[in-house]
Amino acid sequence: MSPWPMKNLGDVCQVVGGGTPSISIARYYEGQIPWATVRDLRSDIVTETERSITEEAVRNSAANIIPSGNVVIATRVGLGKVCIIKQDTAINQDLRGIIPNDPTKISTRFLYYWFKRVAHLIVGEGTGATVQGVKVPFIKALQLPIPPFSEQQRIVTILNIAFEGIDTAKANAEKNLQNAYEVFESERESKLSGNKSGWRSAPLSELCSIKHGFAFQGEHFRSEGRYVLLTPGNFIEAGGYRDRGEKQKYYIGEVPDGFILSKGDLLIAMTEQAAGLLGSPILVPASDRFLHNQRLGLVNGNPGVPWCNEFFFHVFNTKGLRAAVHASGSGVKVRHTSPSKIGDVIVSYPTKVATQLEIAEAIQALQDECDKLASNYSQKLEALDELKQSLLHRAFNGDL
């Protein structure tokens, strides 16, 4: 419980809405007034916006200008987002400006941190089938603690220092993780470089075949079942299998011969449903569980060719090969490629399977170490976020 008086937010602050000037009038968007949408709430302090509008646009729309230094929150689409604007800024209908009636009684920075504290309440109140939003009466009825202004300033000072330290720790953790993956990628590229004794280069068409999957009928798709229907959504952009959780597709219909996959089968994505996905490989994680769907290529070494799936999985993740596969694609909105186009790509490889396996195991060991680091850093980042919430909880309960 807060030791301070509680007030409805709407009794002590203006809750100001916004709007979107007519997009059919181009000159409205040729002005100098910053115009904010949820897309601009990427950081705690907003210093610039993607688009600007004219005074005429403000006059002829529901857009309102929020004075510099005030809090802006998202009440639609990006629920829970909050920022402080550093210049007079117009806002659209998905945002609300929160302006204290008496700035000598309520610190805007204190208000900002309080919105950080109650963000989960705003998110929990969201309704809407496709776009979540909250109504203004709910925002106005939120209970704001009102400590003496000097106490607000003390709380803000402590939180500023603490959050700055936490943000620095988070940035360092994220940078360290990025560095680890950059080292891994560099090592992988080095180990797969073909300028070595016992290696040769050849187009993939000479080394392997790439088989299209089957066009399974949507009427047999289910949210659970015996067979997982692999799709490009199961591919991680950097290579590897992704469990899609609740979005996973299952198939309960009759399965044609030759389209049930085995553990260790190598597949590549031939449709780019997300940036960087084209040519991404996976090794099937289990036998008699996964189906070979269309737009995925099943890669098999040709008879007499030294071929190890584990090695060529990493080859398909090299920068040069992925760039070549991407360049082979076509399509305006979604890029596609084909087995014949992929077959034109030239790769280098050891001529002994034992060497391929040894290299694959070494790369996988490095990958495992990076994954451990990623897990550790993820836990650290979660702990830092929890620390922020703990500090906010204590601050607004008078225990800071």
Protein backbone atom coordinates (compact mmCIF):
# COMPACT_ATOMS: atom_id res chain seq x y z
CA MET A 1 0.00 0.00 0.00
CA SER A 2 1.18 3.48 -0.82
CA PRO A 3 1.82 5.77 2.17
CA TRP A 4 0.74 8.78 0.13
CA PRO A 5 -2.64 10.17 -0.98
CA MET A 6 -4.05 8.51 -4.11
CA LYS A 7 -5.80 10.42 -6.87
CA ASN A 8 -7.53 9.44 -10.08
CA LEU A 9 -5.08 10.27 -12.87
CA GLY A 10 -7.81 12.19 -14.69
CA ASP A 11 -8.31 14.48 -11.66
CA VAL A 12 -4.71 15.69 -11.64
CA CYS A 13 -3.64 15.36 -15.28
CA GLN A 14 -5.03 16.09 -18.72
CA VAL A 15 -5.28 12.96 -20.88
CA VAL A 16 -4.95 14.33 -24.41
CA GLY A 17 -5.74 12.28 -27.51
CA GLY A 18 -4.52 12.61 -31.07
CA GLY A 19 -5.38 11.87 -34.66
CA THR A 20 -4.13 11.25 -38.18
CA PRO A 21 -4.37 14.01 -40.78
CA SER A 22 -5.86 12.91 -44.09
CA ILE A 23 -3.26 10.81 -45.88
CA SER A 24 -4.81 11.80 -49.21
CA ILE A 25 -3.56 15.37 -48.75
CA ALA A 26 0.19 15.10 -49.32
CA ARG A 27 1.01 18.65 -48.21
CA TYR A 28 -0.15 17.84 -44.67
CA TYR A 29 2.99 15.72 -44.28
CA GLU A 30 5.44 18.33 -45.55
CA GLY A 31 5.64 20.40 -42.36
CA GLN A 32 8.00 20.84 -39.43
CA ILE A 33 5.83 19.65 -36.55
CA PRO A 34 6.93 16.19 -35.32
CA TRP A 35 4.03 13.73 -35.49
CA ALA A 36 4.38 10.63 -33.33
CA THR A 37 2.88 7.17 -33.72
CA VAL A 38 3.54 3.98 -31.74
CA ARG A 39 6.44 3.28 -34.12
CA ASP A 40 8.26 6.28 -32.65
CA LEU A 41 8.09 4.97 -29.06
CA ARG A 42 11.29 2.96 -29.45
CA SER A 43 13.11 4.54 -26.52
CA ASP A 44 12.34 6.19 -23.20
CA ILE A 45 13.18 9.63 -24.55
CA VAL A 46 11.79 10.50 -27.99
CA THR A 47 13.81 13.21 -29.72
CA GLU A 48 12.55 12.74 -33.28
CA THR A 49 9.73 11.13 -35.23
CA GLU A 50 9.53 9.38 -38.58
CA ARG A 51 7.06 11.90 -39.99
CA SER A 52 6.23 15.58 -39.57
CA ILE A 53 3.07 17.52 -40.34
CA THR A 54 1.99 21.10 -40.94
CA GLU A 55 -0.01 23.50 -38.76
CA GLU A 56 -2.80 23.17 -41.31
CA ALA A 57 -2.81 19.41 -40.75
CA VAL A 58 -3.16 19.95 -37.01
CA ARG A 59 -6.04 22.39 -37.48
CA ASN A 60 -7.90 20.05 -39.83
CA SER A 61 -7.52 16.83 -37.86
CA ALA A 62 -7.82 15.40 -34.36
CA ALA A 63 -4.03 15.56 -33.93
CA ASN A 64 -2.97 17.50 -30.82
CA ILE A 65 0.43 18.91 -29.96
CA ILE A 66 1.86 17.74 -26.64
CA PRO A 67 4.32 20.22 -25.10
CA SER A 68 7.96 19.16 -24.74
CA GLY A 69 8.91 17.32 -21.56
CA ASN A 70 5.60 15.55 -21.06
CA VAL A 71 4.72 11.87 -20.94
CA VAL A 72 3.16 10.08 -23.90
CA ILE A 73 1.69 6.57 -23.59
CA ALA A 74 0.28 4.06 -26.06
CA THR A 75 -3.39 3.19 -25.53
CA ARG A 76 -3.71 1.13 -28.69
CA VAL A 77 -1.39 -1.30 -30.58
CA GLY A 78 1.69 -0.89 -28.36
CA LEU A 79 0.04 -1.14 -24.94
CA GLY A 80 2.44 -0.53 -22.07
CA LYS A 81 4.82 1.70 -24.05
CA VAL A 82 5.64 5.03 -22.41
CA CYS A 83 8.09 7.81 -23.20
CA ILE A 84 8.96 11.44 -22.56
CA ILE A 85 9.00 13.71 -25.59
CA LYS A 86 11.85 16.22 -25.86
CA GLN A 87 10.13 18.62 -28.26
CA ASP A 88 6.60 19.81 -28.92
CA THR A 89 5.08 16.82 -30.71
CA ALA A 90 1.73 16.07 -32.33
CA ILE A 91 0.38 12.57 -31.69
CA ASN A 92 -1.92 10.17 -33.52
CA GLN A 93 -5.00 8.38 -32.24
CA ASP A 94 -3.08 5.43 -30.77
CA LEU A 95 -1.32 7.66 -28.24
CA ARG A 96 -2.28 9.84 -25.29
CA GLY A 97 -0.37 12.76 -23.86
CA ILE A 98 -0.41 12.97 -20.04
CA ILE A 99 -0.03 16.59 -18.89
CA PRO A 100 -0.06 17.48 -15.16
CA ASN A 101 -2.59 20.17 -14.25
CA ASP A 102 -0.03 21.67 -11.86
CA PRO A 103 3.63 20.91 -12.78
CA THR A 104 4.70 22.12 -9.32
CA LYS A 105 2.75 19.26 -7.74
CA ILE A 106 3.52 16.38 -10.10
CA SER A 107 6.92 15.70 -11.68
CA THR A 108 6.64 14.45 -15.26
CA ARG A 109 9.62 12.14 -14.68
CA PHE A 110 7.88 10.75 -11.59
CA LEU A 111 4.78 10.26 -13.75
CA TYR A 112 6.88 8.49 -16.38
CA TYR A 113 8.27 6.01 -13.85
CA TRP A 114 4.81 5.42 -12.42
CA PHE A 115 3.53 4.49 -15.88
CA LYS A 116 6.43 2.02 -16.10
CA ARG A 117 5.15 0.54 -12.85
CA VAL A 118 1.52 0.19 -13.99
CA ALA A 119 2.25 -0.86 -17.59
CA HIS A 120 1.14 -4.42 -16.78
CA LEU A 121 -2.29 -3.11 -15.68
CA ILE A 122 -2.72 -1.29 -18.99
CA VAL A 123 -1.66 -4.36 -20.97
CA GLY A 124 -4.04 -6.54 -18.95
CA GLU A 125 -6.97 -4.24 -19.68
CA GLY A 126 -6.45 -4.40 -23.45
CA THR A 127 -9.34 -5.65 -25.58
CA GLY A 128 -9.82 -6.23 -29.29
CA ALA A 129 -9.67 -9.22 -31.61
CA THR A 130 -6.73 -8.08 -33.74
CA VAL A 131 -5.59 -4.78 -32.19
CA GLN A 132 -5.50 -4.45 -28.40
CA GLY A 133 -6.56 -1.14 -26.89
CA VAL A 134 -7.77 0.48 -23.67
CA LYS A 135 -10.40 3.18 -23.22
CA VAL A 136 -9.67 6.67 -21.90
CA PRO A 137 -11.97 6.33 -18.82
CA PHE A 138 -9.80 3.41 -17.66
CA ILE A 139 -6.64 5.51 -17.99
CA LYS A 140 -8.23 8.43 -16.16
CA ALA A 141 -9.34 6.15 -13.32
CA LEU A 142 -5.85 4.78 -12.64
CA GLN A 143 -4.80 5.57 -9.07
CA LEU A 144 -1.71 7.80 -8.93
CA PRO A 145 0.16 8.22 -5.63
CA ILE A 146 0.92 11.86 -4.84
CA PRO A 147 3.90 12.17 -2.48
CA PRO A 148 5.32 15.62 -1.68
CA PHE A 149 7.13 17.10 -4.68
CA SER A 150 10.49 16.86 -2.89
CA GLU A 151 9.90 13.14 -2.34
CA GLN A 152 9.00 12.71 -6.01
CA GLN A 153 12.31 14.33 -6.92
CA ARG A 154 14.20 12.06 -4.52
CA ILE A 155 12.56 8.96 -6.02
CA VAL A 156 13.29 10.14 -9.55
CA THR A 157 16.96 10.78 -8.71
CA ILE A 158 17.41 7.30 -7.26
CA LEU A 159 15.60 5.61 -10.15
CA ASN A 160 17.55 7.63 -12.72
CA ILE A 161 20.86 6.45 -11.26
CA ALA A 162 19.71 2.86 -10.79
CA PHE A 163 18.14 2.54 -14.24
CA GLU A 164 21.19 4.08 -15.88
CA GLY A 165 23.36 1.42 -14.24
CA ILE A 166 20.95 -1.36 -15.19
CA ASP A 167 20.74 -0.15 -18.78
CA THR A 168 24.54 -0.07 -18.97
CA ALA A 169 24.71 -3.63 -17.66
CA LYS A 170 22.10 -4.73 -20.22
CA ALA A 171 23.96 -3.03 -23.06
CA ASN A 172 27.21 -4.71 -22.00
CA ALA A 173 25.56 -8.13 -21.83
CA GLU A 174 23.98 -7.70 -25.25
CA LYS A 175 27.27 -6.49 -26.72
CA ASN A 176 29.19 -9.41 -25.20
CA LEU A 177 26.70 -11.85 -26.67
CA GLN A 178 26.94 -10.18 -30.08
CA ASN A 179 30.73 -10.38 -29.88
CA ALA A 180 30.54 -14.10 -29.05
CA TYR A 181 28.40 -14.82 -32.11
CA GLU A 182 30.65 -12.72 -34.32
CA VAL A 183 33.65 -14.77 -33.15
CA PHE A 184 31.70 -17.97 -33.81
CA GLU A 185 30.74 -16.88 -37.33
CA SER A 186 34.33 -15.88 -38.06
CA GLU A 187 35.62 -19.26 -36.85
CA ARG A 188 32.99 -21.09 -38.89
CA GLU A 189 33.90 -19.19 -42.05
CA SER A 190 37.57 -19.97 -41.44
CA LYS A 191 36.98 -23.69 -40.90
CA LEU A 192 34.86 -23.90 -44.06
CA SER A 193 37.28 -22.02 -46.28
CA GLY A 194 38.22 -24.15 -49.28
CA ASN A 195 41.83 -23.01 -49.58
CA LYS A 196 43.17 -26.14 -47.94
CA SER A 197 44.89 -29.35 -48.97
CA GLY A 198 42.45 -32.18 -49.63
CA TRP A 199 39.58 -29.87 -50.58
CA ARG A 200 37.94 -29.31 -53.93
CA SER A 201 35.27 -27.02 -55.34
CA ALA A 202 32.22 -27.97 -57.39
CA PRO A 203 28.65 -26.81 -58.09
CA LEU A 204 26.11 -28.31 -55.72
CA SER A 205 24.37 -30.02 -58.65
CA GLU A 206 27.40 -32.32 -58.97
CA LEU A 207 27.36 -33.17 -55.28
CA CYS A 208 23.72 -33.57 -54.32
CA SER A 209 20.08 -33.67 -55.36
CA ILE A 210 17.45 -31.31 -53.98
CA LYS A 211 13.89 -32.63 -53.88
CA HIS A 212 10.72 -30.57 -53.54
CA GLY A 213 8.23 -31.48 -50.81
CA PHE A 214 4.57 -32.43 -51.14
CA ALA A 215 1.67 -29.95 -51.26
CA PHE A 216 -0.24 -31.18 -48.23
CA GLN A 217 -3.92 -30.18 -48.20
CA GLY A 218 -4.97 -27.53 -45.68
CA GLU A 219 -8.22 -29.35 -44.84
CA HIS A 220 -6.13 -31.88 -42.89
CA PHE A 221 -4.15 -29.32 -40.86
CA ARG A 222 -4.71 -29.44 -37.12
CA SER A 223 -3.31 -27.88 -33.93
CA GLU A 224 -2.10 -31.30 -32.77
CA GLY A 225 -1.46 -34.70 -34.25
CA ARG A 226 1.14 -37.36 -35.00
CA TYR A 227 2.96 -35.54 -37.79
CA VAL A 228 4.49 -32.08 -37.67
CA LEU A 229 4.17 -30.29 -41.00
CA LEU A 230 7.48 -28.53 -41.55
CA THR A 231 7.14 -25.06 -43.09
CA PRO A 232 9.61 -22.20 -43.62
CA GLY A 233 8.36 -20.93 -40.26
CA ASN A 234 10.20 -23.83 -38.61
CA PHE A 235 13.53 -22.54 -39.93
CA ILE A 236 15.70 -20.17 -37.92
CA GLU A 237 17.14 -17.47 -40.15
CA ALA A 238 20.67 -18.30 -38.98
CA GLY A 239 20.06 -22.01 -39.58
CA GLY A 240 18.46 -24.64 -37.35
CA TYR A 241 15.05 -25.97 -36.36
CA ARG A 242 12.46 -23.80 -34.59
CA ASP A 243 9.54 -25.27 -32.63
CA ARG A 244 6.64 -22.94 -33.39
CA GLY A 245 4.77 -23.78 -30.19
CA GLU A 246 1.07 -22.98 -30.46
CA LYS A 247 1.56 -22.01 -34.12
CA GLN A 248 2.92 -25.44 -35.02
CA LYS A 249 1.02 -27.14 -37.85
CA TYR A 250 0.11 -30.83 -37.68
CA TYR A 251 -1.25 -33.10 -40.40
CA ILE A 252 -3.79 -35.89 -39.90
CA GLY A 253 -4.45 -36.88 -43.52
CA GLU A 254 -2.93 -39.70 -45.55
CA VAL A 255 0.79 -39.16 -46.19
CA PRO A 256 2.25 -40.17 -49.57
CA ASP A 257 5.32 -42.41 -49.64
CA GLY A 258 8.66 -40.64 -49.42
CA PHE A 259 7.58 -37.53 -47.52
CA ILE A 260 8.06 -38.70 -43.92
CA LEU A 261 11.47 -37.47 -42.82
CA SER A 262 14.19 -39.18 -40.83
CA LYS A 263 16.38 -37.83 -38.07
CA GLY A 264 19.38 -35.99 -39.50
CA ASP A 265 17.81 -35.30 -42.91
CA LEU A 266 19.04 -31.99 -44.34
CA LEU A 267 16.46 -29.53 -45.64
CA ILE A 268 16.69 -25.96 -46.90
CA ALA A 269 14.06 -23.24 -47.17
CA MET A 270 13.33 -22.29 -50.78
CA THR A 271 10.79 -19.61 -49.87
CA GLU A 272 11.77 -16.49 -47.93
CA GLN A 273 8.88 -15.85 -45.57
CA ALA A 274 11.15 -13.71 -43.39
CA ALA A 275 14.25 -11.68 -44.20
CA GLY A 276 17.35 -13.86 -44.42
CA LEU A 277 15.42 -17.13 -44.50
CA LEU A 278 16.11 -18.17 -48.11
CA GLY A 279 18.58 -21.07 -48.14
CA SER A 280 18.42 -21.53 -44.37
CA PRO A 281 19.08 -25.20 -43.45
CA ILE A 282 17.85 -27.54 -40.73
CA LEU A 283 18.72 -31.05 -39.65
CA VAL A 284 15.50 -32.92 -38.86
CA PRO A 285 15.43 -33.53 -35.09
CA ALA A 286 13.56 -36.89 -35.04
CA SER A 287 12.43 -39.76 -37.27
CA ASP A 288 8.81 -40.55 -38.27
CA ARG A 289 7.58 -37.26 -36.84
CA PHE A 290 8.13 -34.56 -39.49
CA LEU A 291 6.68 -34.18 -42.99
CA HIS A 292 8.47 -32.79 -46.04
CA ASN A 293 6.25 -29.91 -47.15
CA GLN A 294 6.42 -27.99 -50.44
CA ARG A 295 8.88 -25.10 -50.80
CA LEU A 296 11.37 -27.03 -48.69
CA GLY A 297 14.23 -28.81 -50.40
CA LEU A 298 15.41 -32.22 -49.15
CA VAL A 299 19.14 -32.41 -49.82
CA ASN A 300 20.78 -35.80 -50.46
CA GLY A 301 24.38 -36.47 -51.47
CA ASN A 302 24.79 -38.07 -54.89
CA PRO A 303 26.05 -41.67 -55.10
CA GLY A 304 29.84 -41.84 -54.85
CA VAL A 305 30.17 -38.27 -53.51
CA PRO A 306 31.77 -37.81 -50.07
CA TRP A 307 28.84 -36.24 -48.27
CA CYS A 308 28.11 -35.61 -44.58
CA ASN A 309 24.81 -33.83 -43.78
CA GLU A 310 26.22 -32.31 -40.60
CA PHE A 311 29.08 -30.70 -42.53
CA PHE A 312 26.96 -29.37 -45.38
CA PHE A 313 24.44 -27.99 -42.88
CA HIS A 314 27.18 -25.57 -41.84
CA VAL A 315 28.19 -24.97 -45.46
CA PHE A 316 24.64 -23.78 -46.17
CA ASN A 317 25.08 -21.25 -43.34
CA THR A 318 28.19 -19.62 -44.79
CA LYS A 319 27.82 -16.02 -45.91
CA GLY A 320 28.90 -16.67 -49.50
CA LEU A 321 26.49 -19.53 -50.10
CA ARG A 322 23.55 -17.76 -48.47
CA ALA A 323 24.25 -14.64 -50.56
CA ALA A 324 24.38 -16.75 -53.73
CA VAL A 325 21.10 -18.51 -52.89
CA HIS A 326 19.45 -15.20 -52.10
CA ALA A 327 20.65 -13.77 -55.41
CA SER A 328 19.15 -16.77 -57.22
CA GLY A 329 15.69 -15.99 -55.85
CA SER A 330 12.91 -14.15 -57.62
CA GLY A 331 9.61 -12.61 -56.58
CA VAL A 332 8.45 -9.15 -55.54
CA LYS A 333 6.86 -9.71 -52.12
CA VAL A 334 8.17 -13.20 -51.30
CA ARG A 335 11.38 -14.50 -52.84
CA HIS A 336 11.57 -18.09 -54.12
CA THR A 337 14.37 -20.18 -55.51
CA SER A 338 14.55 -23.67 -57.05
CA PRO A 339 16.70 -26.82 -56.87
CA SER A 340 18.28 -26.05 -60.24
CA LYS A 341 19.25 -22.52 -59.22
CA ILE A 342 20.70 -23.72 -55.93
CA GLY A 343 22.54 -26.41 -57.86
CA ASP A 344 24.50 -23.72 -59.73
CA VAL A 345 26.12 -22.50 -56.51
CA ILE A 346 29.76 -23.57 -56.17
CA VAL A 347 30.98 -24.84 -52.79
CA SER A 348 34.26 -26.11 -51.38
CA TYR A 349 34.47 -29.30 -49.33
CA PRO A 350 36.97 -31.90 -48.02
CA THR A 351 37.08 -35.03 -50.13
CA LYS A 352 37.01 -37.28 -47.05
CA VAL A 353 33.82 -37.80 -45.05
CA ALA A 354 35.86 -38.26 -41.87
CA THR A 355 37.31 -34.77 -42.32
CA GLN A 356 33.88 -33.32 -42.95
CA LEU A 357 32.55 -34.92 -39.76
CA GLU A 358 35.52 -33.69 -37.72
CA ILE A 359 34.96 -30.12 -38.92
CA ALA A 360 31.22 -30.35 -38.29
CA GLU A 361 31.80 -31.54 -34.74
CA ALA A 362 34.25 -28.70 -34.07
CA ILE A 363 31.80 -26.10 -35.40
CA GLN A 364 28.96 -27.62 -33.40
CA ALA A 365 31.06 -27.45 -30.23
CA LEU A 366 31.58 -23.73 -30.83
CA GLN A 367 27.86 -23.33 -31.51
CA ASP A 368 27.03 -25.09 -28.24
CA GLU A 369 29.30 -22.72 -26.32
CA CYS A 370 27.61 -19.72 -27.92
CA ASP A 371 24.20 -21.15 -27.07
CA LYS A 372 25.28 -21.53 -23.44
CA LEU A 373 26.42 -17.92 -23.42
CA ALA A 374 23.12 -16.87 -24.98
CA SER A 375 21.21 -18.71 -22.28
CA ASN A 376 23.33 -17.15 -19.53
CA TYR A 377 22.98 -13.66 -20.96
CA SER A 378 19.23 -14.12 -21.44
CA GLN A 379 18.91 -15.04 -17.78
CA LYS A 380 21.00 -12.02 -16.83
CA LEU A 381 18.84 -9.72 -18.95
CA GLU A 382 15.68 -11.15 -17.40
CA ALA A 383 17.15 -10.62 -13.94
CA LEU A 384 17.96 -7.00 -14.77
CA ASP A 385 14.40 -6.40 -15.99
CA GLU A 386 13.08 -7.97 -12.80
CA LEU A 387 15.35 -5.68 -10.80
CA LYS A 388 13.80 -2.68 -12.53
CA GLN A 389 10.31 -3.87 -11.64
CA SER A 390 11.38 -4.51 -8.05
CA LEU A 391 12.76 -0.98 -7.75
CA LEU A 392 9.57 0.49 -9.24
CA HIS A 393 7.42 -1.54 -6.85
CA ARG A 394 9.42 -0.32 -3.86
CA ALA A 395 9.47 3.27 -5.13
CA PHE A 396 5.70 3.59 -5.35
CA ASN A 397 5.06 1.75 -2.10
CA GLY A 398 7.31 4.14 -0.17
CA ASP A 399 10.03 1.53 0.43
CA LEU A 400 12.80 2.83 -1.81
